[in-house]
PDB file of all heavy atoms in Angstrom:
ATOM      1  N   ALA A   1      28.474   1.753  56.659  1.00  0.00           N
ATOM      2  CA  ALA A   1      27.222   1.318  56.094  1.00  0.00           C
ATOM      3  C   ALA A   1      26.857   2.067  54.835  1.00  0.00           C
ATOM      4  O   ALA A   1      26.454   1.354  53.815  1.00  0.00           O
ATOM      5  CB  ALA A   1      26.111   1.543  57.135  1.00  0.00           C
ATOM      6  N   LEU A   2      27.108   3.309  54.755  1.00  0.00           N
ATOM      7  CA  LEU A   2      26.870   4.156  53.504  1.00  0.00           C
ATOM      8  C   LEU A   2      27.847   3.609  52.415  1.00  0.00           C
ATOM      9  O   LEU A   2      27.448   3.532  51.261  1.00  0.00           O
ATOM     10  CB  LEU A   2      27.070   5.631  53.826  1.00  0.00           C
ATOM     11  CG  LEU A   2      26.007   6.188  54.787  1.00  0.00           C
ATOM     12  CD1 LEU A   2      26.510   7.606  55.130  1.00  0.00           C
ATOM     13  CD2 LEU A   2      24.721   6.119  54.269  1.00  0.00           C
ATOM     14  N   ARG A   3      29.040   3.339  52.782  1.00  0.00           N
ATOM     15  CA  ARG A   3      30.039   2.864  51.776  1.00  0.00           C
ATOM     16  C   ARG A   3      29.563   1.536  51.193  1.00  0.00           C
ATOM     17  O   ARG A   3      29.739   1.252  49.981  1.00  0.00           O
ATOM     18  CB  ARG A   3      31.413   2.610  52.453  1.00  0.00           C
ATOM     19  CG  ARG A   3      32.411   1.945  51.558  1.00  0.00           C
ATOM     20  CD  ARG A   3      33.794   1.686  52.291  1.00  0.00           C
ATOM     21  NE  ARG A   3      33.615   0.696  53.314  1.00  0.00           N
ATOM     22  CZ  ARG A   3      33.603  -0.669  53.130  1.00  0.00           C
ATOM     23  NH1 ARG A   3      33.694  -1.120  51.898  1.00  0.00           N
ATOM     24  NH2 ARG A   3      33.501  -1.489  54.121  1.00  0.00           N
ATOM     25  N   LEU A   4      28.977   0.663  52.002  1.00  0.00           N
ATOM     26  CA  LEU A   4      28.535  -0.593  51.462  1.00  0.00           C
ATOM     27  C   LEU A   4      27.272  -0.570  50.601  1.00  0.00           C
ATOM     28  O   LEU A   4      26.966  -1.526  49.962  1.00  0.00           O
ATOM     29  CB  LEU A   4      28.240  -1.567  52.674  1.00  0.00           C
ATOM     30  CG  LEU A   4      29.551  -1.995  53.533  1.00  0.00           C
ATOM     31  CD1 LEU A   4      29.155  -2.561  54.827  1.00  0.00           C
ATOM     32  CD2 LEU A   4      30.351  -2.981  52.710  1.00  0.00           C
ATOM     33  N   GLY A   5      26.553   0.530  50.648  1.00  0.00           N
ATOM     34  CA  GLY A   5      25.376   0.695  49.902  1.00  0.00           C
ATOM     35  C   GLY A   5      24.131   1.201  50.523  1.00  0.00           C
ATOM     36  O   GLY A   5      23.069   1.247  49.914  1.00  0.00           O
ATOM     37  N   ALA A   6      24.170   1.417  51.881  1.00  0.00           N
ATOM     38  CA  ALA A   6      22.989   1.891  52.588  1.00  0.00           C
ATOM     39  C   ALA A   6      22.639   3.367  52.152  1.00  0.00           C
ATOM     40  O   ALA A   6      23.549   4.112  51.817  1.00  0.00           O
ATOM     41  CB  ALA A   6      23.240   1.857  54.078  1.00  0.00           C
ATOM     42  N   ASP A   7      21.369   3.640  52.090  1.00  0.00           N
ATOM     43  CA  ASP A   7      20.906   4.976  51.844  1.00  0.00           C
ATOM     44  C   ASP A   7      20.739   5.834  53.114  1.00  0.00           C
ATOM     45  O   ASP A   7      20.841   7.027  53.102  1.00  0.00           O
ATOM     46  CB  ASP A   7      19.513   4.878  51.065  1.00  0.00           C
ATOM     47  CG  ASP A   7      19.663   4.241  49.672  1.00  0.00           C
ATOM     48  OD1 ASP A   7      20.254   4.854  48.882  1.00  0.00           O
ATOM     49  OD2 ASP A   7      19.223   3.064  49.574  1.00  0.00           O
ATOM     50  N   GLU A   8      20.382   5.085  54.159  1.00  0.00           N
ATOM     51  CA  GLU A   8      20.212   5.735  55.516  1.00  0.00           C
ATOM     52  C   GLU A   8      20.752   4.817  56.599  1.00  0.00           C
ATOM     53  O   GLU A   8      20.824   3.608  56.395  1.00  0.00           O
ATOM     54  CB  GLU A   8      18.724   6.011  55.827  1.00  0.00           C
ATOM     55  CG  GLU A   8      18.013   6.852  54.812  1.00  0.00           C
ATOM     56  CD  GLU A   8      16.558   7.099  55.161  1.00  0.00           C
ATOM     57  OE1 GLU A   8      16.309   7.522  56.334  1.00  0.00           O
ATOM     58  OE2 GLU A   8      15.622   6.709  54.420  1.00  0.00           O
ATOM     59  N   VAL A   9      21.149   5.369  57.632  1.00  0.00           N
ATOM     60  CA  VAL A   9      21.592   4.672  58.818  1.00  0.00           C
ATOM     61  C   VAL A   9      20.847   5.121  60.089  1.00  0.00           C
ATOM     62  O   VAL A   9      20.824   6.327  60.328  1.00  0.00           O
ATOM     63  CB  VAL A   9      23.115   4.758  59.081  1.00  0.00           C
ATOM     64  CG1 VAL A   9      23.547   3.898  60.263  1.00  0.00           C
ATOM     65  CG2 VAL A   9      23.851   4.301  57.868  1.00  0.00           C
ATOM     66  N   VAL A  10      20.291   4.219  60.816  1.00  0.00           N
ATOM     67  CA  VAL A  10      19.475   4.564  62.002  1.00  0.00           C
ATOM     68  C   VAL A  10      20.188   3.919  63.269  1.00  0.00           C
ATOM     69  O   VAL A  10      20.497   2.780  63.236  1.00  0.00           O
ATOM     70  CB  VAL A  10      18.072   4.049  61.853  1.00  0.00           C
ATOM     71  CG1 VAL A  10      17.291   4.198  63.223  1.00  0.00           C
ATOM     72  CG2 VAL A  10      17.298   4.778  60.832  1.00  0.00           C
ATOM     73  N   VAL A  11      20.494   4.726  64.220  1.00  0.00           N
ATOM     74  CA  VAL A  11      20.917   4.199  65.464  1.00  0.00           C
ATOM     75  C   VAL A  11      19.742   3.740  66.298  1.00  0.00           C
ATOM     76  O   VAL A  11      18.852   4.442  66.700  1.00  0.00           O
ATOM     77  CB  VAL A  11      21.749   5.322  66.302  1.00  0.00           C
ATOM     78  CG1 VAL A  11      22.180   4.725  67.656  1.00  0.00           C
ATOM     79  CG2 VAL A  11      22.934   5.753  65.526  1.00  0.00           C
ATOM     80  N   SER A  12      19.710   2.362  66.459  1.00  0.00           N
ATOM     81  CA  SER A  12      18.410   1.743  66.917  1.00  0.00           C
ATOM     82  C   SER A  12      18.109   2.098  68.370  1.00  0.00           C
ATOM     83  O   SER A  12      16.935   1.932  68.781  1.00  0.00           O
ATOM     84  CB  SER A  12      18.481   0.193  66.823  1.00  0.00           C
ATOM     85  OG  SER A  12      19.676  -0.304  67.496  1.00  0.00           O
ATOM     86  N   ARG A  13      19.095   2.585  69.154  1.00  0.00           N
ATOM     87  CA  ARG A  13      18.772   3.050  70.507  1.00  0.00           C
ATOM     88  C   ARG A  13      18.095   4.444  70.570  1.00  0.00           C
ATOM     89  O   ARG A  13      17.602   4.838  71.653  1.00  0.00           O
ATOM     90  CB  ARG A  13      20.073   3.098  71.282  1.00  0.00           C
ATOM     91  CG  ARG A  13      20.745   1.708  71.580  1.00  0.00           C
ATOM     92  CD  ARG A  13      21.809   1.820  72.608  1.00  0.00           C
ATOM     93  NE  ARG A  13      22.379   0.553  72.941  1.00  0.00           N
ATOM     94  CZ  ARG A  13      23.533   0.069  72.553  1.00  0.00           C
ATOM     95  NH1 ARG A  13      24.235   0.874  71.703  1.00  0.00           N
ATOM     96  NH2 ARG A  13      23.931  -1.096  72.888  1.00  0.00           N
ATOM     97  N   ASN A  14      17.993   5.127  69.391  1.00  0.00           N
ATOM     98  CA  ASN A  14      17.448   6.369  69.331  1.00  0.00           C
ATOM     99  C   ASN A  14      15.956   6.231  69.040  1.00  0.00           C
ATOM    100  O   ASN A  14      15.552   5.983  67.840  1.00  0.00           O
ATOM    101  CB  ASN A  14      18.094   7.257  68.321  1.00  0.00           C
ATOM    102  CG  ASN A  14      17.658   8.701  68.287  1.00  0.00           C
ATOM    103  OD1 ASN A  14      16.483   8.972  68.397  1.00  0.00           O
ATOM    104  ND2 ASN A  14      18.550   9.640  68.155  1.00  0.00           N
ATOM    105  N   ALA A  15      15.029   6.429  69.979  1.00  0.00           N
ATOM    106  CA  ALA A  15      13.571   6.216  69.750  1.00  0.00           C
ATOM    107  C   ALA A  15      13.019   7.094  68.697  1.00  0.00           C
ATOM    108  O   ALA A  15      12.119   6.663  68.023  1.00  0.00           O
ATOM    109  CB  ALA A  15      12.879   6.317  71.161  1.00  0.00           C
ATOM    110  N   ASP A  16      13.476   8.323  68.668  1.00  0.00           N
ATOM    111  CA  ASP A  16      12.975   9.347  67.684  1.00  0.00           C
ATOM    112  C   ASP A  16      13.268   8.876  66.283  1.00  0.00           C
ATOM    113  O   ASP A  16      12.502   8.961  65.410  1.00  0.00           O
ATOM    114  CB  ASP A  16      13.452  10.699  67.967  1.00  0.00           C
ATOM    115  CG  ASP A  16      12.889  11.302  69.317  1.00  0.00           C
ATOM    116  OD1 ASP A  16      11.759  10.826  69.685  1.00  0.00           O
ATOM    117  OD2 ASP A  16      13.571  12.187  69.839  1.00  0.00           O
ATOM    118  N   GLU A  17      14.582   8.399  66.117  1.00  0.00           N
ATOM    119  CA  GLU A  17      14.942   7.927  64.807  1.00  0.00           C
ATOM    120  C   GLU A  17      14.184   6.702  64.353  1.00  0.00           C
ATOM    121  O   GLU A  17      13.719   6.631  63.161  1.00  0.00           O
ATOM    122  CB  GLU A  17      16.461   7.599  64.772  1.00  0.00           C
ATOM    123  CG  GLU A  17      17.402   8.784  64.756  1.00  0.00           C
ATOM    124  CD  GLU A  17      18.769   8.363  64.459  1.00  0.00           C
ATOM    125  OE1 GLU A  17      19.060   7.627  63.569  1.00  0.00           O
ATOM    126  OE2 GLU A  17      19.745   8.762  65.299  1.00  0.00           O
ATOM    127  N   MET A  18      13.875   5.854  65.274  1.00  0.00           N
ATOM    128  CA  MET A  18      13.108   4.642  64.972  1.00  0.00           C
ATOM    129  C   MET A  18      11.667   5.018  64.598  1.00  0.00           C
ATOM    130  O   MET A  18      11.117   4.506  63.641  1.00  0.00           O
ATOM    131  CB  MET A  18      13.154   3.700  66.198  1.00  0.00           C
ATOM    132  CG  MET A  18      14.487   3.078  66.528  1.00  0.00           C
ATOM    133  SD  MET A  18      14.996   1.823  65.361  1.00  0.00           S
ATOM    134  CE  MET A  18      14.098   0.441  65.808  1.00  0.00           C
ATOM    135  N   GLN A  19      11.082   5.907  65.367  1.00  0.00           N
ATOM    136  CA  GLN A  19       9.676   6.296  65.168  1.00  0.00           C
ATOM    137  C   GLN A  19       9.452   6.953  63.797  1.00  0.00           C
ATOM    138  O   GLN A  19       8.376   6.771  63.196  1.00  0.00           O
ATOM    139  CB  GLN A  19       9.283   7.221  66.276  1.00  0.00           C
ATOM    140  CG  GLN A  19       7.757   7.663  66.174  1.00  0.00           C
ATOM    141  CD  GLN A  19       6.835   6.517  66.253  1.00  0.00           C
ATOM    142  OE1 GLN A  19       7.053   5.502  66.922  1.00  0.00           O
ATOM    143  NE2 GLN A  19       5.755   6.575  65.573  1.00  0.00           N
ATOM    144  N   LYS A  20      10.525   7.542  63.314  1.00  0.00           N
ATOM    145  CA  LYS A  20      10.354   8.226  61.975  1.00  0.00           C
ATOM    146  C   LYS A  20      10.069   7.194  60.812  1.00  0.00           C
ATOM    147  O   LYS A  20       9.471   7.536  59.830  1.00  0.00           O
ATOM    148  CB  LYS A  20      11.633   8.994  61.592  1.00  0.00           C
ATOM    149  CG  LYS A  20      11.807  10.246  62.391  1.00  0.00           C
ATOM    150  CD  LYS A  20      13.147  10.898  62.010  1.00  0.00           C
ATOM    151  CE  LYS A  20      13.501  12.128  62.887  1.00  0.00           C
ATOM    152  NZ  LYS A  20      14.799  12.674  62.558  1.00  0.00           N
ATOM    153  N   HIS A  21      10.404   5.920  61.090  1.00  0.00           N
ATOM    154  CA  HIS A  21      10.289   4.919  60.086  1.00  0.00           C
ATOM    155  C   HIS A  21       9.105   3.920  60.378  1.00  0.00           C
ATOM    156  O   HIS A  21       8.979   2.884  59.642  1.00  0.00           O
ATOM    157  CB  HIS A  21      11.601   4.105  59.976  1.00  0.00           C
ATOM    158  CG  HIS A  21      12.761   4.886  59.371  1.00  0.00           C
ATOM    159  ND1 HIS A  21      12.898   5.015  58.069  1.00  0.00           N
ATOM    160  CD2 HIS A  21      13.686   5.553  59.962  1.00  0.00           C
ATOM    161  CE1 HIS A  21      13.987   5.733  57.837  1.00  0.00           C
ATOM    162  NE2 HIS A  21      14.540   6.076  58.985  1.00  0.00           N
ATOM    163  N   ALA A  22       8.317   4.209  61.297  1.00  0.00           N
ATOM    164  CA  ALA A  22       7.225   3.367  61.735  1.00  0.00           C
ATOM    165  C   ALA A  22       6.251   3.065  60.531  1.00  0.00           C
ATOM    166  O   ALA A  22       5.870   3.975  59.791  1.00  0.00           O
ATOM    167  CB  ALA A  22       6.441   3.928  62.902  1.00  0.00           C
ATOM    168  N   GLY A  23       5.983   1.758  60.368  1.00  0.00           N
ATOM    169  CA  GLY A  23       5.029   1.316  59.366  1.00  0.00           C
ATOM    170  C   GLY A  23       5.401   1.596  57.922  1.00  0.00           C
ATOM    171  O   GLY A  23       4.532   1.766  57.041  1.00  0.00           O
ATOM    172  N   SER A  24       6.739   1.568  57.631  1.00  0.00           N
ATOM    173  CA  SER A  24       7.157   1.952  56.261  1.00  0.00           C
ATOM    174  C   SER A  24       7.961   0.991  55.488  1.00  0.00           C
ATOM    175  O   SER A  24       8.246   1.154  54.321  1.00  0.00           O
ATOM    176  CB  SER A  24       7.971   3.306  56.416  1.00  0.00           C
ATOM    177  OG  SER A  24       9.218   3.124  57.076  1.00  0.00           O
ATOM    178  N   PHE A  25       8.396  -0.122  56.099  1.00  0.00           N
ATOM    179  CA  PHE A  25       9.233  -1.091  55.542  1.00  0.00           C
ATOM    180  C   PHE A  25       8.560  -2.174  54.829  1.00  0.00           C
ATOM    181  O   PHE A  25       7.594  -2.791  55.329  1.00  0.00           O
ATOM    182  CB  PHE A  25      10.233  -1.683  56.453  1.00  0.00           C
ATOM    183  CG  PHE A  25      11.386  -0.688  56.723  1.00  0.00           C
ATOM    184  CD1 PHE A  25      11.239   0.165  57.821  1.00  0.00           C
ATOM    185  CD2 PHE A  25      12.552  -0.753  56.073  1.00  0.00           C
ATOM    186  CE1 PHE A  25      12.315   1.035  58.110  1.00  0.00           C
ATOM    187  CE2 PHE A  25      13.602   0.068  56.351  1.00  0.00           C
ATOM    188  CZ  PHE A  25      13.516   1.038  57.430  1.00  0.00           C
ATOM    189  N   ASP A  26       8.993  -2.600  53.578  1.00  0.00           N
ATOM    190  CA  ASP A  26       8.422  -3.787  52.908  1.00  0.00           C
ATOM    191  C   ASP A  26       9.022  -5.080  53.466  1.00  0.00           C
ATOM    192  O   ASP A  26       8.420  -6.052  53.567  1.00  0.00           O
ATOM    193  CB  ASP A  26       8.699  -3.671  51.440  1.00  0.00           C
ATOM    194  CG  ASP A  26       8.005  -2.500  50.755  1.00  0.00           C
ATOM    195  OD1 ASP A  26       6.798  -2.606  50.578  1.00  0.00           O
ATOM    196  OD2 ASP A  26       8.691  -1.489  50.469  1.00  0.00           O
ATOM    197  N   PHE A  27      10.319  -4.939  53.794  1.00  0.00           N
ATOM    198  CA  PHE A  27      11.043  -6.142  54.233  1.00  0.00           C
ATOM    199  C   PHE A  27      12.196  -5.680  55.127  1.00  0.00           C
ATOM    200  O   PHE A  27      12.878  -4.615  54.877  1.00  0.00           O
ATOM    201  CB  PHE A  27      11.668  -6.876  52.999  1.00  0.00           C
ATOM    202  CG  PHE A  27      12.527  -8.014  53.373  1.00  0.00           C
ATOM    203  CD1 PHE A  27      11.935  -9.257  53.663  1.00  0.00           C
ATOM    204  CD2 PHE A  27      13.936  -7.907  53.377  1.00  0.00           C
ATOM    205  CE1 PHE A  27      12.794 -10.334  54.013  1.00  0.00           C
ATOM    206  CE2 PHE A  27      14.748  -8.977  53.675  1.00  0.00           C
ATOM    207  CZ  PHE A  27      14.157 -10.204  54.006  1.00  0.00           C
ATOM    208  N   ILE A  28      12.405  -6.489  56.205  1.00  0.00           N
ATOM    209  CA  ILE A  28      13.546  -6.230  57.115  1.00  0.00           C
ATOM    210  C   ILE A  28      14.320  -7.567  57.292  1.00  0.00           C
ATOM    211  O   ILE A  28      13.654  -8.553  57.590  1.00  0.00           O
ATOM    212  CB  ILE A  28      13.116  -5.666  58.431  1.00  0.00           C
ATOM    213  CG1 ILE A  28      12.466  -4.335  58.342  1.00  0.00           C
ATOM    214  CG2 ILE A  28      14.309  -5.626  59.496  1.00  0.00           C
ATOM    215  CD1 ILE A  28      11.864  -3.713  59.622  1.00  0.00           C
ATOM    216  N   LEU A  29      15.627  -7.552  57.067  1.00  0.00           N
ATOM    217  CA  LEU A  29      16.469  -8.702  57.368  1.00  0.00           C
ATOM    218  C   LEU A  29      17.091  -8.453  58.777  1.00  0.00           C
ATOM    219  O   LEU A  29      17.823  -7.488  58.951  1.00  0.00           O
ATOM    220  CB  LEU A  29      17.552  -8.736  56.306  1.00  0.00           C
ATOM    221  CG  LEU A  29      18.469 -10.010  56.395  1.00  0.00           C
ATOM    222  CD1 LEU A  29      17.821 -11.150  55.787  1.00  0.00           C
ATOM    223  CD2 LEU A  29      19.787  -9.767  55.603  1.00  0.00           C
ATOM    224  N   ASP A  30      16.820  -9.323  59.623  1.00  0.00           N
ATOM    225  CA  ASP A  30      17.368  -9.301  61.040  1.00  0.00           C
ATOM    226  C   ASP A  30      18.593 -10.275  61.141  1.00  0.00           C
ATOM    227  O   ASP A  30      18.412 -11.459  61.157  1.00  0.00           O
ATOM    228  CB  ASP A  30      16.352  -9.668  62.023  1.00  0.00           C
ATOM    229  CG  ASP A  30      16.693  -9.373  63.469  1.00  0.00           C
ATOM    230  OD1 ASP A  30      17.908  -9.421  63.690  1.00  0.00           O
ATOM    231  OD2 ASP A  30      15.825  -9.207  64.364  1.00  0.00           O
ATOM    232  N   ALA A  31      19.707  -9.654  61.159  1.00  0.00           N
ATOM    233  CA  ALA A  31      20.999 -10.476  61.100  1.00  0.00           C
ATOM    234  C   ALA A  31      21.637 -10.449  62.496  1.00  0.00           C
ATOM    235  O   ALA A  31      22.917 -10.805  62.627  1.00  0.00           O
ATOM    236  CB  ALA A  31      21.963  -9.934  60.140  1.00  0.00           C
ATOM    237  N   VAL A  32      20.908 -10.195  63.585  1.00  0.00           N
ATOM    238  CA  VAL A  32      21.539 -10.069  64.925  1.00  0.00           C
ATOM    239  C   VAL A  32      21.405 -11.418  65.668  1.00  0.00           C
ATOM    240  O   VAL A  32      20.324 -12.026  65.752  1.00  0.00           O
ATOM    241  CB  VAL A  32      20.898  -8.945  65.782  1.00  0.00           C
ATOM    242  CG1 VAL A  32      21.330  -8.957  67.160  1.00  0.00           C
ATOM    243  CG2 VAL A  32      21.083  -7.584  65.050  1.00  0.00           C
ATOM    244  N   ALA A  33      22.406 -11.915  66.210  1.00  0.00           N
ATOM    245  CA  ALA A  33      22.465 -13.115  66.941  1.00  0.00           C
ATOM    246  C   ALA A  33      22.360 -12.877  68.469  1.00  0.00           C
ATOM    247  O   ALA A  33      22.158 -13.951  69.106  1.00  0.00           O
ATOM    248  CB  ALA A  33      23.754 -13.984  66.619  1.00  0.00           C
TER     249      ALA A  33
END
């Protein structure tokens, strides 16, 4: 993910990592089927 251009990577199963980003995104692209 970092190689492709990501600045950060969050493991979505980690509740603490997710909480750190609460209320902060302008846009999210959901590509999960």
